[in-house]
């Protein structure tokens, strides 16, 4: 539910314009809708890596 809302809001507000307002979540949605599942999975892995890095940094900063 939450991810669908995020993608929907990003597409409505940002317009999903290539090289201008496209976010990673909207790019994943677009690629999977086009049938480019490998590209969608690659983008999802990048998004997960970014999330893990930010969580790790936040956790380390919080402990000091």
PDB file of N, CA and C in Angstrom:
ATOM      1  N   UNK A   1       0.785  -1.181   0.000  1.00  0.00           N
ATOM      2  CA  UNK A   1       0.000   0.000   0.000  1.00  0.00           C
ATOM      3  C   UNK A   1       0.840   1.264   0.000  1.00  0.00           C
ATOM      4  N   UNK A   2       1.840   1.307   0.858  1.00  0.00           N
ATOM      5  CA  UNK A   2       2.627   2.536   1.001  1.00  0.00           C
ATOM      6  C   UNK A   2       3.442   2.834  -0.258  1.00  0.00           C
ATOM      7  N   UNK A   3       4.023   1.794  -0.863  1.00  0.00           N
ATOM      8  CA  UNK A   3       4.835   2.019  -2.058  1.00  0.00           C
ATOM      9  C   UNK A   3       3.968   2.464  -3.231  1.00  0.00           C
ATOM     10  N   UNK A   4       2.766   1.939  -3.329  1.00  0.00           N
ATOM     11  CA  UNK A   4       1.857   2.356  -4.398  1.00  0.00           C
ATOM     12  C   UNK A   4       1.513   3.826  -4.240  1.00  0.00           C
ATOM     13  N   UNK A   5       1.273   4.256  -3.017  1.00  0.00           N
ATOM     14  CA  UNK A   5       0.960   5.663  -2.770  1.00  0.00           C
ATOM     15  C   UNK A   5       2.146   6.551  -3.121  1.00  0.00           C
ATOM     16  N   UNK A   6       3.363   6.099  -2.783  1.00  0.00           N
ATOM     17  CA  UNK A   6       4.550   6.905  -3.087  1.00  0.00           C
ATOM     18  C   UNK A   6       4.734   7.066  -4.590  1.00  0.00           C
ATOM     19  N   UNK A   7       4.599   5.979  -5.334  1.00  0.00           N
ATOM     20  CA  UNK A   7       4.758   6.045  -6.790  1.00  0.00           C
ATOM     21  C   UNK A   7       3.659   6.904  -7.397  1.00  0.00           C
ATOM     22  N   UNK A   8       2.435   6.730  -6.928  1.00  0.00           N
ATOM     23  CA  UNK A   8       1.321   7.519  -7.455  1.00  0.00           C
ATOM     24  C   UNK A   8       1.496   9.001  -7.223  1.00  0.00           C
ATOM     25  N   UNK A   9       1.888   9.370  -6.020  1.00  0.00           N
ATOM     26  CA  UNK A   9       2.102  10.789  -5.707  1.00  0.00           C
ATOM     27  C   UNK A   9       3.246  11.353  -6.543  1.00  0.00           C
ATOM     28  N   UNK A  10       4.337  10.604  -6.675  1.00  0.00           N
ATOM     29  CA  UNK A  10       5.477  11.087  -7.463  1.00  0.00           C
ATOM     30  C   UNK A  10       5.089  11.292  -8.922  1.00  0.00           C
ATOM     31  N   UNK A  11       4.269  10.386  -9.469  1.00  0.00           N
ATOM     32  CA  UNK A  11       3.849  10.529 -10.868  1.00  0.00           C
ATOM     33  C   UNK A  11       2.887  11.697 -11.049  1.00  0.00           C
ATOM     34  N   UNK A  12       1.989  11.888 -10.103  1.00  0.00           N
ATOM     35  CA  UNK A  12       1.010  12.974 -10.224  1.00  0.00           C
ATOM     36  C   UNK A  12       1.676  14.334 -10.035  1.00  0.00           C
ATOM     37  N   UNK A  13       2.467  14.469  -8.990  1.00  0.00           N
ATOM     38  CA  UNK A  13       3.078  15.765  -8.681  1.00  0.00           C
ATOM     39  C   UNK A  13       4.224  16.083  -9.627  1.00  0.00           C
ATOM     40  N   UNK A  14       5.104  15.108  -9.838  1.00  0.00           N
ATOM     41  CA  UNK A  14       6.303  15.353 -10.639  1.00  0.00           C
ATOM     42  C   UNK A  14       6.088  15.231 -12.125  1.00  0.00           C
ATOM     43  N   UNK A  15       5.122  14.459 -12.532  1.00  0.00           N
ATOM     44  CA  UNK A  15       4.852  14.302 -13.947  1.00  0.00           C
ATOM     45  C   UNK A  15       5.646  13.197 -14.614  1.00  0.00           C
ATOM     46  N   UNK A  16       6.658  12.633 -13.959  1.00  0.00           N
ATOM     47  CA  UNK A  16       7.463  11.537 -14.492  1.00  0.00           C
ATOM     48  C   UNK A  16       8.116  11.909 -15.822  1.00  0.00           C
ATOM     49  N   UNK A  17       8.680  13.103 -15.906  1.00  0.00           N
ATOM     50  CA  UNK A  17       9.336  13.583 -17.116  1.00  0.00           C
ATOM     51  C   UNK A  17      10.776  13.089 -17.124  1.00  0.00           C
ATOM     52  N   UNK A  18      11.151  12.379 -18.188  1.00  0.00           N
ATOM     53  CA  UNK A  18      12.486  11.786 -18.275  1.00  0.00           C
ATOM     54  C   UNK A  18      13.559  12.861 -18.148  1.00  0.00           C
ATOM     55  N   UNK A  19      14.577  12.576 -17.348  1.00  0.00           N
ATOM     56  CA  UNK A  19      15.732  13.439 -17.068  1.00  0.00           C
ATOM     57  C   UNK A  19      15.371  14.726 -16.324  1.00  0.00           C
ATOM     58  N   UNK A  20      14.126  14.887 -15.935  1.00  0.00           N
ATOM     59  CA  UNK A  20      13.745  16.126 -15.262  1.00  0.00           C
ATOM     60  C   UNK A  20      13.097  15.854 -13.911  1.00  0.00           C
ATOM     61  N   UNK A  21      12.015  15.099 -13.898  1.00  0.00           N
ATOM     62  CA  UNK A  21      11.302  14.874 -12.639  1.00  0.00           C
ATOM     63  C   UNK A  21      11.128  13.400 -12.302  1.00  0.00           C
ATOM     64  N   UNK A  22      11.806  12.503 -13.002  1.00  0.00           N
ATOM     65  CA  UNK A  22      11.631  11.070 -12.745  1.00  0.00           C
ATOM     66  C   UNK A  22      12.406  10.650 -11.505  1.00  0.00           C
ATOM     67  N   UNK A  23      11.736   9.927 -10.617  1.00  0.00           N
ATOM     68  CA  UNK A  23      12.383   9.379  -9.428  1.00  0.00           C
ATOM     69  C   UNK A  23      12.674   7.899  -9.670  1.00  0.00           C
ATOM     70  N   UNK A  24      13.445   7.293  -8.776  1.00  0.00           N
ATOM     71  CA  UNK A  24      13.774   5.876  -8.956  1.00  0.00           C
ATOM     72  C   UNK A  24      12.504   5.021  -8.893  1.00  0.00           C
ATOM     73  N   UNK A  25      11.604   5.347  -7.980  1.00  0.00           N
ATOM     74  CA  UNK A  25      10.386   4.533  -7.862  1.00  0.00           C
ATOM     75  C   UNK A  25       9.509   4.628  -9.111  1.00  0.00           C
ATOM     76  N   UNK A  26       9.405   5.809  -9.705  1.00  0.00           N
ATOM     77  CA  UNK A  26       8.609   5.925 -10.929  1.00  0.00           C
ATOM     78  C   UNK A  26       9.321   5.266 -12.103  1.00  0.00           C
ATOM     79  N   UNK A  27      10.646   5.303 -12.116  1.00  0.00           N
ATOM     80  CA  UNK A  27      11.400   4.631 -13.176  1.00  0.00           C
ATOM     81  C   UNK A  27      11.215   3.116 -13.086  1.00  0.00           C
ATOM     82  N   UNK A  28      11.189   2.573 -11.866  1.00  0.00           N
ATOM     83  CA  UNK A  28      10.948   1.137 -11.686  1.00  0.00           C
ATOM     84  C   UNK A  28       9.572   0.776 -12.240  1.00  0.00           C
ATOM     85  N   UNK A  29       8.578   1.566 -11.905  1.00  0.00           N
ATOM     86  CA  UNK A  29       7.220   1.321 -12.392  1.00  0.00           C
ATOM     87  C   UNK A  29       7.161   1.378 -13.916  1.00  0.00           C
ATOM     88  N   UNK A  30       7.784   2.374 -14.497  1.00  0.00           N
ATOM     89  CA  UNK A  30       7.782   2.528 -15.949  1.00  0.00           C
ATOM     90  C   UNK A  30       8.475   1.357 -16.637  1.00  0.00           C
ATOM     91  N   UNK A  31       9.641   0.962 -16.125  1.00  0.00           N
ATOM     92  CA  UNK A  31      10.395  -0.133 -16.744  1.00  0.00           C
ATOM     93  C   UNK A  31       9.634  -1.453 -16.674  1.00  0.00           C
ATOM     94  N   UNK A  32       9.012  -1.742 -15.542  1.00  0.00           N
ATOM     95  CA  UNK A  32       8.259  -2.995 -15.439  1.00  0.00           C
ATOM     96  C   UNK A  32       7.007  -2.963 -16.312  1.00  0.00           C
ATOM     97  N   UNK A  33       6.381  -1.805 -16.455  1.00  0.00           N
ATOM     98  CA  UNK A  33       5.218  -1.695 -17.346  1.00  0.00           C
ATOM     99  C   UNK A  33       5.609  -1.893 -18.804  1.00  0.00           C
ATOM    100  N   UNK A  34       6.846  -1.513 -19.165  1.00  0.00           N
ATOM    101  CA  UNK A  34       7.340  -1.716 -20.530  1.00  0.00           C
ATOM    102  C   UNK A  34       7.796  -3.150 -20.764  1.00  0.00           C
ATOM    103  N   UNK A  35       7.877  -3.949 -19.691  1.00  0.00           N
ATOM    104  CA  UNK A  35       8.352  -5.323 -19.824  1.00  0.00           C
ATOM    105  C   UNK A  35       9.843  -5.468 -19.630  1.00  0.00           C
ATOM    106  N   UNK A  36      10.509  -4.392 -19.254  1.00  0.00           N
ATOM    107  CA  UNK A  36      11.956  -4.400 -19.009  1.00  0.00           C
ATOM    108  C   UNK A  36      12.212  -4.760 -17.545  1.00  0.00           C
ATOM    109  N   UNK A  37      11.994  -6.037 -17.227  1.00  0.00           N
ATOM    110  CA  UNK A  37      12.085  -6.464 -15.835  1.00  0.00           C
ATOM    111  C   UNK A  37      13.511  -6.405 -15.301  1.00  0.00           C
ATOM    112  N   UNK A  38      14.501  -6.666 -16.143  1.00  0.00           N
ATOM    113  CA  UNK A  38      15.900  -6.598 -15.699  1.00  0.00           C
ATOM    114  C   UNK A  38      16.260  -5.175 -15.273  1.00  0.00           C
ATOM    115  N   UNK A  39      15.811  -4.192 -16.032  1.00  0.00           N
ATOM    116  CA  UNK A  39      16.069  -2.796 -15.672  1.00  0.00           C
ATOM    117  C   UNK A  39      15.336  -2.416 -14.390  1.00  0.00           C
ATOM    118  N   UNK A  40      14.116  -2.886 -14.255  1.00  0.00           N
ATOM    119  CA  UNK A  40      13.350  -2.609 -13.041  1.00  0.00           C
ATOM    120  C   UNK A  40      13.994  -3.210 -11.808  1.00  0.00           C
ATOM    121  N   UNK A  41      14.491  -4.443 -11.937  1.00  0.00           N
ATOM    122  CA  UNK A  41      15.161  -5.098 -10.807  1.00  0.00           C
ATOM    123  C   UNK A  41      16.465  -4.389 -10.478  1.00  0.00           C
ATOM    124  N   UNK A  42      17.211  -3.986 -11.499  1.00  0.00           N
ATOM    125  CA  UNK A  42      18.472  -3.268 -11.259  1.00  0.00           C
ATOM    126  C   UNK A  42      18.213  -1.958 -10.517  1.00  0.00           C
ATOM    127  N   UNK A  43      17.200  -1.227 -10.929  1.00  0.00           N
ATOM    128  CA  UNK A  43      16.853   0.022 -10.245  1.00  0.00           C
ATOM    129  C   UNK A  43      16.391  -0.240  -8.812  1.00  0.00           C
ATOM    130  N   UNK A  44      15.643  -1.323  -8.620  1.00  0.00           N
ATOM    131  CA  UNK A  44      15.190  -1.673  -7.271  1.00  0.00           C
ATOM    132  C   UNK A  44      16.378  -1.995  -6.370  1.00  0.00           C
ATOM    133  N   UNK A  45      17.377  -2.690  -6.907  1.00  0.00           N
ATOM    134  CA  UNK A  45      18.571  -3.003  -6.120  1.00  0.00           C
ATOM    135  C   UNK A  45      19.335  -1.739  -5.745  1.00  0.00           C
ATOM    136  N   UNK A  46      19.403  -0.789  -6.662  1.00  0.00           N
ATOM    137  CA  UNK A  46      20.046   0.494  -6.358  1.00  0.00           C
ATOM    138  C   UNK A  46      19.282   1.204  -5.247  1.00  0.00           C
ATOM    139  N   UNK A  47      17.965   1.196  -5.330  1.00  0.00           N
ATOM    140  CA  UNK A  47      17.139   1.841  -4.305  1.00  0.00           C
ATOM    141  C   UNK A  47      17.323   1.173  -2.943  1.00  0.00           C
ATOM    142  N   UNK A  48      17.395  -0.152  -2.925  1.00  0.00           N
ATOM    143  CA  UNK A  48      17.623  -0.874  -1.667  1.00  0.00           C
ATOM    144  C   UNK A  48      18.993  -0.542  -1.106  1.00  0.00           C
ATOM    145  N   UNK A  49      20.008  -0.472  -1.968  1.00  0.00           N
ATOM    146  CA  UNK A  49      21.362  -0.132  -1.524  1.00  0.00           C
ATOM    147  C   UNK A  49      21.400   1.266  -0.908  1.00  0.00           C
ATOM    148  N   UNK A  50      20.735   2.211  -1.534  1.00  0.00           N
ATOM    149  CA  UNK A  50      20.672   3.574  -0.989  1.00  0.00           C
ATOM    150  C   UNK A  50      19.988   3.567   0.377  1.00  0.00           C
ATOM    151  N   UNK A  51      18.890   2.831   0.489  1.00  0.00           N
ATOM    152  CA  UNK A  51      18.162   2.763   1.765  1.00  0.00           C
ATOM    153  C   UNK A  51      19.027   2.142   2.859  1.00  0.00           C
ATOM    154  N   UNK A  52      19.734   1.054   2.539  1.00  0.00           N
ATOM    155  CA  UNK A  52      20.605   0.423   3.534  1.00  0.00           C
ATOM    156  C   UNK A  52      21.733   1.354   3.959  1.00  0.00           C
ATOM    157  N   UNK A  53      22.336   2.050   3.004  1.00  0.00           N
ATOM    158  CA  UNK A  53      23.430   2.977   3.333  1.00  0.00           C
ATOM    159  C   UNK A  53      22.937   4.108   4.239  1.00  0.00           C
ATOM    160  N   UNK A  54      21.796   4.677   3.906  1.00  0.00           N
ATOM    161  CA  UNK A  54      21.251   5.754   4.734  1.00  0.00           C
ATOM    162  C   UNK A  54      20.891   5.264   6.131  1.00  0.00           C
ATOM    163  N   UNK A  55      20.332   4.064   6.224  1.00  0.00           N
ATOM    164  CA  UNK A  55      20.020   3.503   7.544  1.00  0.00           C
ATOM    165  C   UNK A  55      21.282   3.241   8.348  1.00  0.00           C
ATOM    166  N   UNK A  56      22.320   2.735   7.704  1.00  0.00           N
ATOM    167  CA  UNK A  56      23.587   2.460   8.378  1.00  0.00           C
ATOM    168  C   UNK A  56      24.211   3.754   8.898  1.00  0.00           C
ATOM    169  N   UNK A  57      24.251   4.775   8.051  1.00  0.00           N
ATOM    170  CA  UNK A  57      24.830   6.064   8.451  1.00  0.00           C
ATOM    171  C   UNK A  57      24.027   6.681   9.592  1.00  0.00           C
ATOM    172  N   UNK A  58      22.710   6.638   9.477  1.00  0.00           N
ATOM    173  CA  UNK A  58      21.860   7.185  10.538  1.00  0.00           C
ATOM    174  C   UNK A  58      22.079   6.447  11.854  1.00  0.00           C
ATOM    175  N   UNK A  59      22.184   5.141  11.787  1.00  0.00           N
ATOM    176  CA  UNK A  59      22.416   4.337  12.989  1.00  0.00           C
ATOM    177  C   UNK A  59      23.754   4.689  13.627  1.00  0.00           C
ATOM    178  N   UNK A  60      24.796   4.839  12.818  1.00  0.00           N
ATOM    179  CA  UNK A  60      26.126   5.175  13.344  1.00  0.00           C
ATOM    180  C   UNK A  60      26.146   6.577  13.948  1.00  0.00           C
ATOM    181  N   UNK A  61      25.499   7.532  13.314  1.00  0.00           N
ATOM    182  CA  UNK A  61      25.457   8.897  13.839  1.00  0.00           C
ATOM    183  C   UNK A  61      24.642   8.977  15.126  1.00  0.00           C
ATOM    184  N   UNK A  62      23.626   8.157  15.226  1.00  0.00           N
ATOM    185  CA  UNK A  62      22.769   8.159  16.401  1.00  0.00           C
ATOM    186  C   UNK A  62      23.494   7.602  17.628  1.00  0.00           C
ATOM    187  N   UNK A  63      24.441   6.700  17.412  1.00  0.00           N
ATOM    188  CA  UNK A  63      25.160   6.069  18.516  1.00  0.00           C
ATOM    189  C   UNK A  63      26.249   6.963  19.094  1.00  0.00           C
ATOM    190  N   UNK A  64      26.696   7.967  18.349  1.00  0.00           N
ATOM    191  CA  UNK A  64      27.783   8.828  18.845  1.00  0.00           C
ATOM    192  C   UNK A  64      27.265  10.029  19.591  1.00  0.00           C
TER     193      UNK A  64
END
